[in-house]
Amino acid sequence: MSDYRLRVELEVDGVPQTYDLRDGDRDFRCCGRITYMGYQAARYEWTLAPARALRYCAELRYTGKPPPRTCGPRAPA
């Protein structure tokens, strides 16, 4: 388990500002055990080599280690 604070540093009209964000009057607490869980939306991507082509990458949903992204020729409309 870890306690942490989030510090945001920004500049507004040339004036630096810093904000420390907390969970009320206490630090945030998170993450006992790190696990993989995720979702990657379907998308299109261009490849430029060896030839320019538009590929379709299907969505991924996983609870273990992320699987490799599989992309193929553009999906039919």
C-alpha atoms as a PDB file:
ATOM      1  CA  MET A   1       0.000   0.000   0.000  1.00  0.00           C
ATOM      2  CA  SER A   2       1.314   3.459  -0.850  1.00  0.00           C
ATOM      3  CA  ASP A   3       0.369   6.959   0.287  1.00  0.00           C
ATOM      4  CA  TYR A   4       0.939   9.758  -2.173  1.00  0.00           C
ATOM      5  CA  ARG A   5       0.197  13.368  -3.042  1.00  0.00           C
ATOM      6  CA  LEU A   6      -0.280  14.792  -6.468  1.00  0.00           C
ATOM      7  CA  ARG A   7       1.559  18.049  -7.187  1.00  0.00           C
ATOM      8  CA  VAL A   8       0.505  20.108 -10.202  1.00  0.00           C
ATOM      9  CA  GLU A   9       2.862  22.801 -11.431  1.00  0.00           C
ATOM     10  CA  LEU A  10       1.677  25.187 -14.093  1.00  0.00           C
ATOM     11  CA  GLU A  11       2.302  28.644 -15.435  1.00  0.00           C
ATOM     12  CA  VAL A  12      -0.498  31.176 -15.882  1.00  0.00           C
ATOM     13  CA  ASP A  13       0.310  34.451 -17.654  1.00  0.00           C
ATOM     14  CA  GLY A  14       3.999  33.866 -16.961  1.00  0.00           C
ATOM     15  CA  VAL A  15       3.471  33.290 -13.228  1.00  0.00           C
ATOM     16  CA  PRO A  16       4.398  29.818 -11.896  1.00  0.00           C
ATOM     17  CA  GLN A  17       1.788  28.198  -9.649  1.00  0.00           C
ATOM     18  CA  THR A  18       1.977  24.969  -7.652  1.00  0.00           C
ATOM     19  CA  TYR A  19      -0.948  23.025  -6.212  1.00  0.00           C
ATOM     20  CA  ASP A  20      -0.727  19.999  -3.911  1.00  0.00           C
ATOM     21  CA  LEU A  21      -3.816  17.832  -4.318  1.00  0.00           C
ATOM     22  CA  ARG A  22      -4.929  15.586  -1.471  1.00  0.00           C
ATOM     23  CA  ASP A  23      -7.915  13.445  -0.577  1.00  0.00           C
ATOM     24  CA  GLY A  24      -9.545  15.881   1.826  1.00  0.00           C
ATOM     25  CA  ASP A  25      -7.146  16.211   4.770  1.00  0.00           C
ATOM     26  CA  ARG A  26      -5.191  13.029   4.008  1.00  0.00           C
ATOM     27  CA  ASP A  27      -2.895  11.639   1.328  1.00  0.00           C
ATOM     28  CA  PHE A  28      -4.225   9.389  -1.412  1.00  0.00           C
ATOM     29  CA  ARG A  29      -3.794   5.667  -0.785  1.00  0.00           C
ATOM     30  CA  CYS A  30      -3.474   3.178  -3.579  1.00  0.00           C
ATOM     31  CA  CYS A  31      -2.274   0.022  -5.076  1.00  0.00           C
ATOM     32  CA  GLY A  32      -1.595  -2.960  -2.902  1.00  0.00           C
ATOM     33  CA  ARG A  33      -0.876  -5.438  -5.681  1.00  0.00           C
ATOM     34  CA  ILE A  34      -0.198  -4.440  -9.267  1.00  0.00           C
ATOM     35  CA  THR A  35      -2.282  -6.396 -11.761  1.00  0.00           C
ATOM     36  CA  TYR A  36      -2.957  -6.083 -15.452  1.00  0.00           C
ATOM     37  CA  MET A  37      -6.467  -5.165 -16.469  1.00  0.00           C
ATOM     38  CA  GLY A  38      -7.260  -3.178 -19.470  1.00  0.00           C
ATOM     39  CA  TYR A  39      -9.003  -2.175 -22.586  1.00  0.00           C
ATOM     40  CA  GLN A  40      -7.615  -0.761 -25.797  1.00  0.00           C
ATOM     41  CA  ALA A  41     -10.160   0.585 -28.259  1.00  0.00           C
ATOM     42  CA  ALA A  42     -10.238  -0.581 -31.853  1.00  0.00           C
ATOM     43  CA  ARG A  43      -8.365   1.743 -34.166  1.00  0.00           C
ATOM     44  CA  TYR A  44      -6.975   2.276 -37.635  1.00  0.00           C
ATOM     45  CA  GLU A  45      -3.290   2.908 -38.246  1.00  0.00           C
ATOM     46  CA  TRP A  46      -1.163   3.743 -41.251  1.00  0.00           C
ATOM     47  CA  THR A  47       1.976   1.811 -42.080  1.00  0.00           C
ATOM     48  CA  LEU A  48       4.464   3.509 -44.373  1.00  0.00           C
ATOM     49  CA  ALA A  49       6.930   0.704 -45.021  1.00  0.00           C
ATOM     50  CA  PRO A  50       7.365  -1.486 -46.948  1.00  0.00           C
ATOM     51  CA  ALA A  51       4.245  -0.010 -48.626  1.00  0.00           C
ATOM     52  CA  ARG A  52       1.720   2.549 -47.451  1.00  0.00           C
ATOM     53  CA  ALA A  53      -1.356   0.757 -46.111  1.00  0.00           C
ATOM     54  CA  LEU A  54      -4.267   1.359 -43.770  1.00  0.00           C
ATOM     55  CA  ARG A  55      -4.634  -1.369 -41.156  1.00  0.00           C
ATOM     56  CA  TYR A  56      -7.420  -2.157 -38.684  1.00  0.00           C
ATOM     57  CA  CYS A  57      -6.528  -3.125 -35.105  1.00  0.00           C
ATOM     58  CA  ALA A  58      -9.338  -4.858 -33.220  1.00  0.00           C
ATOM     59  CA  GLU A  59     -10.196  -3.880 -29.644  1.00  0.00           C
ATOM     60  CA  LEU A  60      -8.419  -5.679 -26.825  1.00  0.00           C
ATOM     61  CA  ARG A  61      -9.846  -6.548 -23.405  1.00  0.00           C
ATOM     62  CA  TYR A  62      -7.620  -8.383 -20.969  1.00  0.00           C
ATOM     63  CA  THR A  63      -7.109  -9.225 -17.314  1.00  0.00           C
ATOM     64  CA  GLY A  64      -3.650 -10.789 -17.553  1.00  0.00           C
ATOM     65  CA  LYS A  65      -0.520  -9.496 -19.206  1.00  0.00           C
ATOM     66  CA  PRO A  66      -1.532  -7.399 -22.249  1.00  0.00           C
ATOM     67  CA  PRO A  67      -1.622  -9.529 -25.401  1.00  0.00           C
ATOM     68  CA  PRO A  68       0.166  -8.342 -28.516  1.00  0.00           C
ATOM     69  CA  ARG A  69      -1.912  -6.042 -30.699  1.00  0.00           C
ATOM     70  CA  THR A  70      -3.043  -7.780 -33.874  1.00  0.00           C
ATOM     71  CA  CYS A  71      -3.705  -5.612 -36.888  1.00  0.00           C
ATOM     72  CA  GLY A  72      -4.740  -6.669 -40.355  1.00  0.00           C
ATOM     73  CA  PRO A  73      -5.909  -5.199 -43.626  1.00  0.00           C
ATOM     74  CA  ARG A  74      -8.578  -2.526 -43.394  1.00  0.00           C
ATOM     75  CA  ALA A  75     -11.882  -4.020 -42.199  1.00  0.00           C
ATOM     76  CA  PRO A  76     -14.745  -3.793 -44.684  1.00  0.00           C
ATOM     77  CA  ALA A  77     -17.246  -0.978 -44.089  1.00  0.00           C
END
